[in-house]
Amino acid sequence: MEKFSQEELKEYLMQHNEEFRALAEKHAEYKRLIDEIEAKPYHTPEDELEEHRLKKLKLHVKDQMHQIMSRYKTTEVA
């Protein structure tokens, strides 16, 4: 079985793993929302709280994506 680079593995999982694809879409949505908040010229306290909340969610989703990638690499080696 061939070895995948990090980017090739992400692309493969985007095409073949529904859970990974859903997480990637969530991650992109959180990034878009964070970018919207950061683009504002003035941040309210609510904006700051929402940005912080979204960054935590985005990081959690990224961790889940990395777990899937690690599981796949483990089964690829086995």
PDB file of N, CA and C in Angstrom:
ATOM      1  N   MET A   1       0.851  -1.184   0.000  1.00  0.00           N
ATOM      2  CA  MET A   1       0.000   0.000   0.000  1.00  0.00           C
ATOM      3  C   MET A   1       0.894   1.243   0.000  1.00  0.00           C
ATOM      4  N   GLU A   2       0.520   2.246  -0.815  1.00  0.00           N
ATOM      5  CA  GLU A   2       1.367   3.430  -0.918  1.00  0.00           C
ATOM      6  C   GLU A   2       1.190   4.369   0.270  1.00  0.00           C
ATOM      7  N   LYS A   3       2.237   5.106   0.548  1.00  0.00           N
ATOM      8  CA  LYS A   3       2.203   6.094   1.630  1.00  0.00           C
ATOM      9  C   LYS A   3       1.618   7.398   1.097  1.00  0.00           C
ATOM     10  N   PHE A   4       0.788   8.040   1.903  1.00  0.00           N
ATOM     11  CA  PHE A   4       0.201   9.323   1.545  1.00  0.00           C
ATOM     12  C   PHE A   4       0.944  10.440   2.266  1.00  0.00           C
ATOM     13  N   SER A   5       1.123  11.578   1.584  1.00  0.00           N
ATOM     14  CA  SER A   5       1.586  12.769   2.289  1.00  0.00           C
ATOM     15  C   SER A   5       0.392  13.282   3.100  1.00  0.00           C
ATOM     16  N   GLN A   6       0.622  14.221   3.980  1.00  0.00           N
ATOM     17  CA  GLN A   6      -0.444  14.780   4.819  1.00  0.00           C
ATOM     18  C   GLN A   6      -1.580  15.328   3.944  1.00  0.00           C
ATOM     19  N   GLU A   7      -1.230  16.091   2.916  1.00  0.00           N
ATOM     20  CA  GLU A   7      -2.242  16.693   2.041  1.00  0.00           C
ATOM     21  C   GLU A   7      -2.966  15.637   1.212  1.00  0.00           C
ATOM     22  N   GLU A   8      -2.244  14.645   0.739  1.00  0.00           N
ATOM     23  CA  GLU A   8      -2.871  13.568  -0.034  1.00  0.00           C
ATOM     24  C   GLU A   8      -3.843  12.779   0.834  1.00  0.00           C
ATOM     25  N   LEU A   9      -3.459  12.560   2.086  1.00  0.00           N
ATOM     26  CA  LEU A   9      -4.332  11.837   3.002  1.00  0.00           C
ATOM     27  C   LEU A   9      -5.611  12.633   3.258  1.00  0.00           C
ATOM     28  N   LYS A  10      -5.479  13.949   3.473  1.00  0.00           N
ATOM     29  CA  LYS A  10      -6.664  14.797   3.668  1.00  0.00           C
ATOM     30  C   LYS A  10      -7.579  14.715   2.450  1.00  0.00           C
ATOM     31  N   GLU A  11      -7.000  14.818   1.269  1.00  0.00           N
ATOM     32  CA  GLU A  11      -7.787  14.761   0.034  1.00  0.00           C
ATOM     33  C   GLU A  11      -8.489  13.411  -0.105  1.00  0.00           C
ATOM     34  N   TYR A  12      -7.767  12.335   0.186  1.00  0.00           N
ATOM     35  CA  TYR A  12      -8.346  10.990   0.131  1.00  0.00           C
ATOM     36  C   TYR A  12      -9.523  10.872   1.097  1.00  0.00           C
ATOM     37  N   LEU A  13      -9.329  11.331   2.328  1.00  0.00           N
ATOM     38  CA  LEU A  13     -10.383  11.236   3.330  1.00  0.00           C
ATOM     39  C   LEU A  13     -11.576  12.123   2.980  1.00  0.00           C
ATOM     40  N   MET A  14     -11.326  13.280   2.375  1.00  0.00           N
ATOM     41  CA  MET A  14     -12.422  14.152   1.937  1.00  0.00           C
ATOM     42  C   MET A  14     -13.310  13.416   0.931  1.00  0.00           C
ATOM     43  N   GLN A  15     -12.709  12.600   0.115  1.00  0.00           N
ATOM     44  CA  GLN A  15     -13.453  11.888  -0.920  1.00  0.00           C
ATOM     45  C   GLN A  15     -14.088  10.590  -0.421  1.00  0.00           C
ATOM     46  N   HIS A  16     -13.480   9.954   0.569  1.00  0.00           N
ATOM     47  CA  HIS A  16     -13.906   8.609   0.948  1.00  0.00           C
ATOM     48  C   HIS A  16     -14.430   8.455   2.375  1.00  0.00           C
ATOM     49  N   ASN A  17     -14.366   9.492   3.195  1.00  0.00           N
ATOM     50  CA  ASN A  17     -14.774   9.358   4.592  1.00  0.00           C
ATOM     51  C   ASN A  17     -15.782  10.459   4.929  1.00  0.00           C
ATOM     52  N   GLU A  18     -17.036  10.051   5.101  1.00  0.00           N
ATOM     53  CA  GLU A  18     -18.131  11.004   5.353  1.00  0.00           C
ATOM     54  C   GLU A  18     -17.895  11.810   6.639  1.00  0.00           C
ATOM     55  N   GLU A  19     -17.445  11.140   7.691  1.00  0.00           N
ATOM     56  CA  GLU A  19     -17.200  11.823   8.969  1.00  0.00           C
ATOM     57  C   GLU A  19     -16.123  12.901   8.806  1.00  0.00           C
ATOM     58  N   PHE A  20     -15.034  12.561   8.127  1.00  0.00           N
ATOM     59  CA  PHE A  20     -13.952  13.521   7.920  1.00  0.00           C
ATOM     60  C   PHE A  20     -14.441  14.710   7.101  1.00  0.00           C
ATOM     61  N   ARG A  21     -15.214  14.430   6.061  1.00  0.00           N
ATOM     62  CA  ARG A  21     -15.728  15.488   5.193  1.00  0.00           C
ATOM     63  C   ARG A  21     -16.637  16.440   5.982  1.00  0.00           C
ATOM     64  N   ALA A  22     -17.511  15.881   6.823  1.00  0.00           N
ATOM     65  CA  ALA A  22     -18.414  16.702   7.644  1.00  0.00           C
ATOM     66  C   ALA A  22     -17.620  17.581   8.612  1.00  0.00           C
ATOM     67  N   LEU A  23     -16.579  17.004   9.208  1.00  0.00           N
ATOM     68  CA  LEU A  23     -15.736  17.775  10.129  1.00  0.00           C
ATOM     69  C   LEU A  23     -14.997  18.894   9.390  1.00  0.00           C
ATOM     70  N   ALA A  24     -14.504  18.606   8.191  1.00  0.00           N
ATOM     71  CA  ALA A  24     -13.802  19.618   7.404  1.00  0.00           C
ATOM     72  C   ALA A  24     -14.739  20.771   7.044  1.00  0.00           C
ATOM     73  N   GLU A  25     -15.981  20.446   6.743  1.00  0.00           N
ATOM     74  CA  GLU A  25     -16.960  21.490   6.433  1.00  0.00           C
ATOM     75  C   GLU A  25     -17.252  22.344   7.662  1.00  0.00           C
ATOM     76  N   LYS A  26     -17.385  21.707   8.829  1.00  0.00           N
ATOM     77  CA  LYS A  26     -17.580  22.450  10.084  1.00  0.00           C
ATOM     78  C   LYS A  26     -16.386  23.363  10.344  1.00  0.00           C
ATOM     79  N   HIS A  27     -15.180  22.819  10.172  1.00  0.00           N
ATOM     80  CA  HIS A  27     -13.952  23.583  10.401  1.00  0.00           C
ATOM     81  C   HIS A  27     -13.927  24.823   9.507  1.00  0.00           C
ATOM     82  N   ALA A  28     -14.280  24.661   8.240  1.00  0.00           N
ATOM     83  CA  ALA A  28     -14.295  25.787   7.298  1.00  0.00           C
ATOM     84  C   ALA A  28     -15.349  26.823   7.697  1.00  0.00           C
ATOM     85  N   GLU A  29     -16.495  26.352   8.169  1.00  0.00           N
ATOM     86  CA  GLU A  29     -17.549  27.271   8.598  1.00  0.00           C
ATOM     87  C   GLU A  29     -17.114  28.068   9.829  1.00  0.00           C
ATOM     88  N   TYR A  30     -16.496  27.401  10.802  1.00  0.00           N
ATOM     89  CA  TYR A  30     -15.999  28.112  11.983  1.00  0.00           C
ATOM     90  C   TYR A  30     -14.950  29.145  11.584  1.00  0.00           C
ATOM     91  N   LYS A  31     -14.074  28.786  10.662  1.00  0.00           N
ATOM     92  CA  LYS A  31     -13.050  29.723  10.197  1.00  0.00           C
ATOM     93  C   LYS A  31     -13.700  30.938   9.547  1.00  0.00           C
ATOM     94  N   ARG A  32     -14.725  30.707   8.733  1.00  0.00           N
ATOM     95  CA  ARG A  32     -15.417  31.809   8.067  1.00  0.00           C
ATOM     96  C   ARG A  32     -16.047  32.750   9.097  1.00  0.00           C
ATOM     97  N   LEU A  33     -16.688  32.181  10.113  1.00  0.00           N
ATOM     98  CA  LEU A  33     -17.322  32.996  11.147  1.00  0.00           C
ATOM     99  C   LEU A  33     -16.288  33.789  11.955  1.00  0.00           C
ATOM    100  N   ILE A  34     -15.174  33.151  12.258  1.00  0.00           N
ATOM    101  CA  ILE A  34     -14.094  33.844  12.979  1.00  0.00           C
ATOM    102  C   ILE A  34     -13.556  34.986  12.131  1.00  0.00           C
ATOM    103  N   ASP A  35     -13.345  34.726  10.848  1.00  0.00           N
ATOM    104  CA  ASP A  35     -12.849  35.774   9.946  1.00  0.00           C
ATOM    105  C   ASP A  35     -13.811  36.950   9.873  1.00  0.00           C
ATOM    106  N   GLU A  36     -15.115  36.669   9.886  1.00  0.00           N
ATOM    107  CA  GLU A  36     -16.120  37.744   9.880  1.00  0.00           C
ATOM    108  C   GLU A  36     -15.982  38.617  11.115  1.00  0.00           C
ATOM    109  N   ILE A  37     -15.836  37.994  12.263  1.00  0.00           N
ATOM    110  CA  ILE A  37     -15.697  38.753  13.510  1.00  0.00           C
ATOM    111  C   ILE A  37     -14.407  39.573  13.478  1.00  0.00           C
ATOM    112  N   GLU A  38     -13.303  38.940  13.058  1.00  0.00           N
ATOM    113  CA  GLU A  38     -12.013  39.625  13.043  1.00  0.00           C
ATOM    114  C   GLU A  38     -11.978  40.768  12.035  1.00  0.00           C
ATOM    115  N   ALA A  39     -12.839  40.728  11.015  1.00  0.00           N
ATOM    116  CA  ALA A  39     -12.867  41.779   9.996  1.00  0.00           C
ATOM    117  C   ALA A  39     -13.599  43.035  10.477  1.00  0.00           C
ATOM    118  N   LYS A  40     -14.340  42.915  11.557  1.00  0.00           N
ATOM    119  CA  LYS A  40     -15.065  44.074  12.079  1.00  0.00           C
ATOM    120  C   LYS A  40     -14.072  45.109  12.609  1.00  0.00           C
ATOM    121  N   PRO A  41     -14.359  46.386  12.368  1.00  0.00           N
ATOM    122  CA  PRO A  41     -13.449  47.432  12.869  1.00  0.00           C
ATOM    123  C   PRO A  41     -13.483  47.565  14.395  1.00  0.00           C
ATOM    124  N   TYR A  42     -14.607  47.184  15.011  1.00  0.00           N
ATOM    125  CA  TYR A  42     -14.735  47.277  16.459  1.00  0.00           C
ATOM    126  C   TYR A  42     -15.349  45.982  16.977  1.00  0.00           C
ATOM    127  N   HIS A  43     -14.786  45.447  18.045  1.00  0.00           N
ATOM    128  CA  HIS A  43     -15.306  44.209  18.634  1.00  0.00           C
ATOM    129  C   HIS A  43     -16.020  44.503  19.939  1.00  0.00           C
ATOM    130  N   THR A  44     -17.266  44.064  20.014  1.00  0.00           N
ATOM    131  CA  THR A  44     -18.014  44.182  21.269  1.00  0.00           C
ATOM    132  C   THR A  44     -17.567  43.054  22.200  1.00  0.00           C
ATOM    133  N   PRO A  45     -17.897  43.148  23.473  1.00  0.00           N
ATOM    134  CA  PRO A  45     -17.588  42.022  24.371  1.00  0.00           C
ATOM    135  C   PRO A  45     -18.231  40.715  23.893  1.00  0.00           C
ATOM    136  N   GLU A  46     -19.424  40.818  23.303  1.00  0.00           N
ATOM    137  CA  GLU A  46     -20.089  39.623  22.769  1.00  0.00           C
ATOM    138  C   GLU A  46     -19.292  39.033  21.601  1.00  0.00           C
ATOM    139  N   ASP A  47     -18.746  39.915  20.756  1.00  0.00           N
ATOM    140  CA  ASP A  47     -17.902  39.451  19.651  1.00  0.00           C
ATOM    141  C   ASP A  47     -16.694  38.697  20.176  1.00  0.00           C
ATOM    142  N   GLU A  48     -16.070  39.242  21.206  1.00  0.00           N
ATOM    143  CA  GLU A  48     -14.885  38.609  21.792  1.00  0.00           C
ATOM    144  C   GLU A  48     -15.222  37.221  22.341  1.00  0.00           C
ATOM    145  N   LEU A  49     -16.360  37.130  23.045  1.00  0.00           N
ATOM    146  CA  LEU A  49     -16.781  35.834  23.586  1.00  0.00           C
ATOM    147  C   LEU A  49     -17.092  34.850  22.466  1.00  0.00           C
ATOM    148  N   GLU A  50     -17.793  35.313  21.439  1.00  0.00           N
ATOM    149  CA  GLU A  50     -18.145  34.432  20.326  1.00  0.00           C
ATOM    150  C   GLU A  50     -16.899  33.979  19.573  1.00  0.00           C
ATOM    151  N   GLU A  51     -15.962  34.878  19.371  1.00  0.00           N
ATOM    152  CA  GLU A  51     -14.713  34.512  18.702  1.00  0.00           C
ATOM    153  C   GLU A  51     -13.968  33.440  19.503  1.00  0.00           C
ATOM    154  N   HIS A  52     -13.895  33.628  20.802  1.00  0.00           N
ATOM    155  CA  HIS A  52     -13.229  32.668  21.674  1.00  0.00           C
ATOM    156  C   HIS A  52     -13.932  31.306  21.606  1.00  0.00           C
ATOM    157  N   ARG A  53     -15.264  31.312  21.661  1.00  0.00           N
ATOM    158  CA  ARG A  53     -16.053  30.075  21.595  1.00  0.00           C
ATOM    159  C   ARG A  53     -15.818  29.364  20.257  1.00  0.00           C
ATOM    160  N   LEU A  54     -15.851  30.123  19.161  1.00  0.00           N
ATOM    161  CA  LEU A  54     -15.667  29.538  17.834  1.00  0.00           C
ATOM    162  C   LEU A  54     -14.258  28.965  17.669  1.00  0.00           C
ATOM    163  N   LYS A  55     -13.259  29.647  18.210  1.00  0.00           N
ATOM    164  CA  LYS A  55     -11.886  29.144  18.105  1.00  0.00           C
ATOM    165  C   LYS A  55     -11.737  27.818  18.848  1.00  0.00           C
ATOM    166  N   LYS A  56     -12.401  27.697  20.008  1.00  0.00           N
ATOM    167  CA  LYS A  56     -12.364  26.422  20.740  1.00  0.00           C
ATOM    168  C   LYS A  56     -13.032  25.319  19.937  1.00  0.00           C
ATOM    169  N   LEU A  57     -14.189  25.623  19.353  1.00  0.00           N
ATOM    170  CA  LEU A  57     -14.900  24.632  18.549  1.00  0.00           C
ATOM    171  C   LEU A  57     -14.075  24.221  17.333  1.00  0.00           C
ATOM    172  N   LYS A  58     -13.461  25.202  16.686  1.00  0.00           N
ATOM    173  CA  LYS A  58     -12.644  24.927  15.506  1.00  0.00           C
ATOM    174  C   LYS A  58     -11.470  24.017  15.875  1.00  0.00           C
ATOM    175  N   LEU A  59     -10.828  24.291  16.997  1.00  0.00           N
ATOM    176  CA  LEU A  59      -9.710  23.469  17.446  1.00  0.00           C
ATOM    177  C   LEU A  59     -10.166  22.046  17.772  1.00  0.00           C
ATOM    178  N   HIS A  60     -11.329  21.922  18.400  1.00  0.00           N
ATOM    179  CA  HIS A  60     -11.860  20.597  18.725  1.00  0.00           C
ATOM    180  C   HIS A  60     -12.114  19.799  17.440  1.00  0.00           C
ATOM    181  N   VAL A  61     -12.683  20.448  16.436  1.00  0.00           N
ATOM    182  CA  VAL A  61     -12.952  19.772  15.158  1.00  0.00           C
ATOM    183  C   VAL A  61     -11.634  19.363  14.501  1.00  0.00           C
ATOM    184  N   LYS A  62     -10.648  20.248  14.565  1.00  0.00           N
ATOM    185  CA  LYS A  62      -9.339  19.932  13.979  1.00  0.00           C
ATOM    186  C   LYS A  62      -8.723  18.714  14.681  1.00  0.00           C
ATOM    187  N   ASP A  63      -8.846  18.653  15.997  1.00  0.00           N
ATOM    188  CA  ASP A  63      -8.350  17.493  16.741  1.00  0.00           C
ATOM    189  C   ASP A  63      -9.048  16.209  16.294  1.00  0.00           C
ATOM    190  N   GLN A  64     -10.356  16.284  16.081  1.00  0.00           N
ATOM    191  CA  GLN A  64     -11.105  15.110  15.616  1.00  0.00           C
ATOM    192  C   GLN A  64     -10.619  14.687  14.225  1.00  0.00           C
ATOM    193  N   MET A  65     -10.354  15.649  13.366  1.00  0.00           N
ATOM    194  CA  MET A  65      -9.853  15.349  12.022  1.00  0.00           C
ATOM    195  C   MET A  65      -8.492  14.652  12.109  1.00  0.00           C
ATOM    196  N   HIS A  66      -7.632  15.142  12.997  1.00  0.00           N
ATOM    197  CA  HIS A  66      -6.306  14.525  13.164  1.00  0.00           C
ATOM    198  C   HIS A  66      -6.421  13.109  13.733  1.00  0.00           C
ATOM    199  N   GLN A  67      -7.401  12.875  14.603  1.00  0.00           N
ATOM    200  CA  GLN A  67      -7.612  11.522  15.125  1.00  0.00           C
ATOM    201  C   GLN A  67      -7.984  10.564  13.996  1.00  0.00           C
ATOM    202  N   ILE A  68      -8.855  11.005  13.106  1.00  0.00           N
ATOM    203  CA  ILE A  68      -9.233  10.167  11.962  1.00  0.00           C
ATOM    204  C   ILE A  68      -8.016   9.888  11.098  1.00  0.00           C
ATOM    205  N   MET A  69      -7.209  10.915  10.847  1.00  0.00           N
ATOM    206  CA  MET A  69      -6.003  10.737  10.040  1.00  0.00           C
ATOM    207  C   MET A  69      -5.048   9.752  10.713  1.00  0.00           C
ATOM    208  N   SER A  70      -4.895   9.867  12.018  1.00  0.00           N
ATOM    209  CA  SER A  70      -4.017   8.942  12.751  1.00  0.00           C
ATOM    210  C   SER A  70      -4.531   7.513  12.689  1.00  0.00           C
ATOM    211  N   ARG A  71      -5.847   7.353  12.853  1.00  0.00           N
ATOM    212  CA  ARG A  71      -6.451   6.015  12.747  1.00  0.00           C
ATOM    213  C   ARG A  71      -6.196   5.427  11.375  1.00  0.00           C
ATOM    214  N   TYR A  72      -6.349   6.245  10.347  1.00  0.00           N
ATOM    215  CA  TYR A  72      -6.146   5.755   8.988  1.00  0.00           C
ATOM    216  C   TYR A  72      -4.689   5.358   8.783  1.00  0.00           C
ATOM    217  N   LYS A  73      -3.754   6.177   9.270  1.00  0.00           N
ATOM    218  CA  LYS A  73      -2.329   5.857   9.128  1.00  0.00           C
ATOM    219  C   LYS A  73      -2.012   4.560   9.867  1.00  0.00           C
ATOM    220  N   THR A  74      -2.611   4.346  11.022  1.00  0.00           N
ATOM    221  CA  THR A  74      -2.383   3.136  11.815  1.00  0.00           C
ATOM    222  C   THR A  74      -2.884   1.912  11.055  1.00  0.00           C
ATOM    223  N   THR A  75      -4.066   1.992  10.466  1.00  0.00           N
ATOM    224  CA  THR A  75      -4.602   0.845   9.729  1.00  0.00           C
ATOM    225  C   THR A  75      -3.837   0.644   8.428  1.00  0.00           C
ATOM    226  N   GLU A  76      -3.283   1.728   7.869  1.00  0.00           N
ATOM    227  CA  GLU A  76      -2.502   1.626   6.632  1.00  0.00           C
ATOM    228  C   GLU A  76      -1.223   0.851   6.880  1.00  0.00           C
ATOM    229  N   VAL A  77      -0.612   1.055   8.053  1.00  0.00           N
ATOM    230  CA  VAL A  77       0.639   0.375   8.382  1.00  0.00           C
ATOM    231  C   VAL A  77       0.390  -1.077   8.749  1.00  0.00           C
ATOM    232  N   ALA A  78      -0.732  -1.319   9.430  1.00  0.00           N
ATOM    233  CA  ALA A  78      -1.043  -2.689   9.892  1.00  0.00           C
ATOM    234  C   ALA A  78      -1.302  -3.650   8.756  1.00  0.00           C
TER     235      ALA A  78
END
